[in-house]
Every structure is written in structure tokens, then in C-alpha cells.
Amino acid sequence: MAKALLYQLFKIGSIPADLRAVLQQEGLVAEDEGLRGTWFSKDFKAPGRRSLYKSRGFVGFLAVTRKHILAYAFGRPQINLSVDDPRVADLNNELMGEDRICISFETAHFHSDWKGAVELCYRTEKAGVFHDALLHLGVKQGRAV
């Protein structure tokens, strides 16, 4: 599967070198960069923002180490949790075919003044590896949406 065009041209969605060094020290289980994805929100409410349903495309990366779960989109972390964090159990992941993994969560578990569900879907050849790694760390099977 080809990487996103923005990644090929400008390296948008790549893992920064300093972060990659940290991830390698923590013991990378799975990582992939330059991934095309879609961000979905449903019944989303936050201060100054509301939407019944919204979707946006992005380029980002996923990384799972023995100590952290990282999901980047739009050039910033969407999920950055230590595996010891009890909120890991509030994440859901679902394999959508052989090349797509979706990670979803209820935003109220992460922000007290937010409400609604968010789903990050990434296209990667390593979807099965990510799915198994996340299940092993305590992420639930299924969708939050």
C-alpha cells in the first residue's frame, strides 16, 4: 500500500526523529507512518464546537510500544496514553478489512467538558499487527460510536 502523497513529497505524517528515538528505547511493538486516515466525530460537543456528524481526512502515524499508545493526525497527538493509564480500557479498536484499523473513544473519558464519540481510521498494511498489539494492552474490541 502506497504512503500518502503528502508524506512522499513533504514527509507530513512522519514520526519526528527525537520521538522515534524515545519510542525505540521504550520497545516498539508496531509503528507505521505516512498513513492516510479519516477522523470521524458523532454527536460531538465541546466549548465553542458542536457537530452531529463530521469527517475529515488526514495524514498521520500510529505507534505502539511496551509503554505507550500514540495516534497522530493533523500534526498533533490524538491519542497519547501510557499503557498503565486506566483510560486505555476506554479505547476501542476494530479491524476493518485487512488494511484498515479504527480506534474510537468517548471524548468525555478524556476531557471533562466534552461529549460525543471520535473515531480515527488508519489505512495500513500493518492493521492486524496494530489490532493484536492494542488488544494485548487492554484496548477493547469494537467501536465506541
Protein backbone atom coordinates (compact mmCIF):
# COMPACT_ATOMS: atom_id res chain seq x y z
CA MET A 1 0.00 0.00 0.00
CA ALA A 2 1.42 3.34 -1.04
CA LYS A 3 2.04 6.04 1.54
CA ALA A 4 0.07 9.28 1.42
CA LEU A 5 1.22 11.77 -1.23
CA LEU A 6 1.84 14.48 1.38
CA TYR A 7 4.16 12.06 3.15
CA GLN A 8 6.01 11.18 -0.04
CA LEU A 9 6.52 14.83 -1.00
CA PHE A 10 6.86 16.67 2.31
CA LYS A 11 7.17 13.93 4.99
CA ILE A 12 3.89 15.09 6.59
CA GLY A 13 2.73 12.33 8.92
CA SER A 14 6.21 11.08 9.73
CA ILE A 15 7.45 10.25 13.20
CA PRO A 16 9.82 13.03 14.34
CA ALA A 17 13.41 11.80 14.83
CA ASP A 18 13.54 12.70 18.54
CA LEU A 19 10.22 10.93 19.19
CA ARG A 20 11.33 7.89 17.19
CA ALA A 21 14.41 7.58 19.44
CA VAL A 22 12.20 7.64 22.54
CA LEU A 23 9.82 5.07 21.05
CA GLN A 24 12.68 2.75 20.17
CA GLN A 25 14.01 2.97 23.74
CA GLU A 26 10.53 2.01 25.02
CA GLY A 27 10.47 -1.05 22.77
CA LEU A 28 8.47 -0.57 19.59
CA VAL A 29 5.82 -3.23 19.11
CA ALA A 30 4.32 -1.69 15.94
CA GLU A 31 4.74 1.58 14.05
CA ASP A 32 3.80 2.97 10.68
CA GLU A 33 3.95 6.50 9.32
CA GLY A 34 2.61 8.46 6.38
CA LEU A 35 -0.78 6.83 6.82
CA ARG A 36 -3.92 8.12 5.18
CA GLY A 37 -6.83 8.24 7.55
CA THR A 38 -10.21 9.65 8.40
CA TRP A 39 -11.27 11.37 11.61
CA PHE A 40 -14.99 10.96 12.45
CA SER A 41 -16.98 12.60 15.21
CA LYS A 42 -20.56 11.85 16.20
CA ASP A 43 -22.78 13.97 18.47
CA PHE A 44 -19.70 15.99 19.38
CA LYS A 45 -19.95 18.87 21.84
CA ALA A 46 -17.08 20.89 23.24
CA PRO A 47 -16.75 24.52 24.30
CA GLY A 48 -17.26 26.55 21.14
CA ARG A 49 -17.71 23.48 18.90
CA ARG A 50 -20.68 21.31 18.02
CA SER A 51 -21.41 18.83 15.27
CA LEU A 52 -23.85 15.98 14.78
CA TYR A 53 -21.54 14.19 12.38
CA LYS A 54 -18.27 15.29 10.86
CA SER A 55 -15.45 13.60 8.98
CA ARG A 56 -12.06 14.87 7.85
CA GLY A 57 -9.18 13.23 6.05
CA PHE A 58 -5.66 13.38 7.47
CA VAL A 59 -2.14 12.04 7.19
CA GLY A 60 -0.56 10.73 10.37
CA PHE A 61 1.14 7.84 12.14
CA LEU A 62 0.46 5.10 14.65
CA ALA A 63 2.93 3.72 17.16
CA VAL A 64 2.57 1.16 19.93
CA THR A 65 5.40 0.49 22.36
CA ARG A 66 5.55 -1.54 25.54
CA LYS A 67 4.87 1.73 27.42
CA HIS A 68 2.74 3.99 25.15
CA ILE A 69 0.00 4.14 22.57
CA LEU A 70 0.36 7.03 20.12
CA ALA A 71 -2.01 8.05 17.34
CA TYR A 72 -1.13 11.25 15.47
CA ALA A 73 -3.31 13.12 12.99
CA PHE A 74 -3.32 16.72 11.77
CA GLY A 75 0.28 17.08 13.01
CA ARG A 76 -0.57 16.55 16.69
CA PRO A 77 -1.34 13.70 19.05
CA GLN A 78 -4.93 12.50 19.10
CA ILE A 79 -4.11 9.65 21.48
CA ASN A 80 -1.04 9.64 23.72
CA LEU A 81 -1.51 7.24 26.60
CA SER A 82 0.77 5.27 28.84
CA VAL A 83 -0.23 1.61 28.92
CA ASP A 84 -0.57 1.97 32.72
CA ASP A 85 -3.23 4.67 32.29
CA PRO A 86 -6.68 3.29 33.24
CA ARG A 87 -8.20 5.18 30.28
CA VAL A 88 -6.63 2.61 27.93
CA ALA A 89 -9.67 0.46 28.78
CA ASP A 90 -11.89 3.27 27.43
CA LEU A 91 -10.39 2.92 23.94
CA ASN A 92 -11.94 0.62 21.34
CA ASN A 93 -10.35 -0.79 18.23
CA GLU A 94 -11.78 -2.61 15.27
CA LEU A 95 -10.19 -4.19 12.25
CA MET A 96 -11.99 -3.12 9.06
CA GLY A 97 -10.72 -5.47 6.40
CA GLU A 98 -7.07 -6.38 6.04
CA ASP A 99 -5.73 -2.84 5.70
CA ARG A 100 -7.77 -0.59 7.95
CA ILE A 101 -7.86 -0.17 11.72
CA CYS A 102 -10.23 2.14 13.57
CA ILE A 103 -9.61 3.38 17.10
CA SER A 104 -12.58 5.03 18.78
CA PHE A 105 -13.40 6.53 22.15
CA GLU A 106 -15.98 8.54 24.04
CA THR A 107 -14.47 12.01 24.49
CA ALA A 108 -15.92 12.50 27.98
CA HIS A 109 -13.42 9.93 29.30
CA PHE A 110 -10.55 12.20 28.24
CA HIS A 111 -11.99 15.74 28.55
CA SER A 112 -14.47 16.58 31.30
CA ASP A 113 -16.24 19.30 29.27
CA TRP A 114 -16.51 17.31 26.01
CA LYS A 115 -19.20 14.90 24.88
CA GLY A 116 -19.54 12.59 21.89
CA ALA A 117 -17.57 9.90 20.14
CA VAL A 118 -14.45 10.19 17.99
CA GLU A 119 -13.09 7.54 15.65
CA LEU A 120 -9.69 7.54 13.94
CA CYS A 121 -9.41 5.16 11.00
CA TYR A 122 -5.97 4.47 9.53
CA ARG A 123 -5.10 2.62 6.31
CA THR A 124 -2.05 0.45 6.86
CA GLU A 125 -0.73 -2.94 5.80
CA LYS A 126 0.07 -3.49 9.49
CA ALA A 127 -3.56 -3.18 10.63
CA GLY A 128 -3.60 -6.74 12.02
CA VAL A 129 -0.37 -6.16 13.95
CA PHE A 130 -1.76 -2.97 15.50
CA HIS A 131 -5.07 -4.67 16.30
CA ASP A 132 -3.37 -7.54 18.14
CA ALA A 133 -0.95 -5.21 19.97
CA LEU A 134 -3.79 -2.97 21.17
CA LEU A 135 -5.90 -5.92 22.35
CA HIS A 136 -2.87 -7.23 24.25
CA LEU A 137 -2.53 -3.85 26.04
CA GLY A 138 -6.18 -3.84 27.18
CA VAL A 139 -7.91 -1.86 24.43
CA LYS A 140 -11.42 -3.23 23.86
CA GLN A 141 -12.61 -4.88 20.68
CA GLY A 142 -15.40 -2.98 18.88
CA ARG A 143 -16.46 0.60 18.36
CA ALA A 144 -17.40 3.44 20.69
CA VAL A 145 -19.61 5.05 18.06
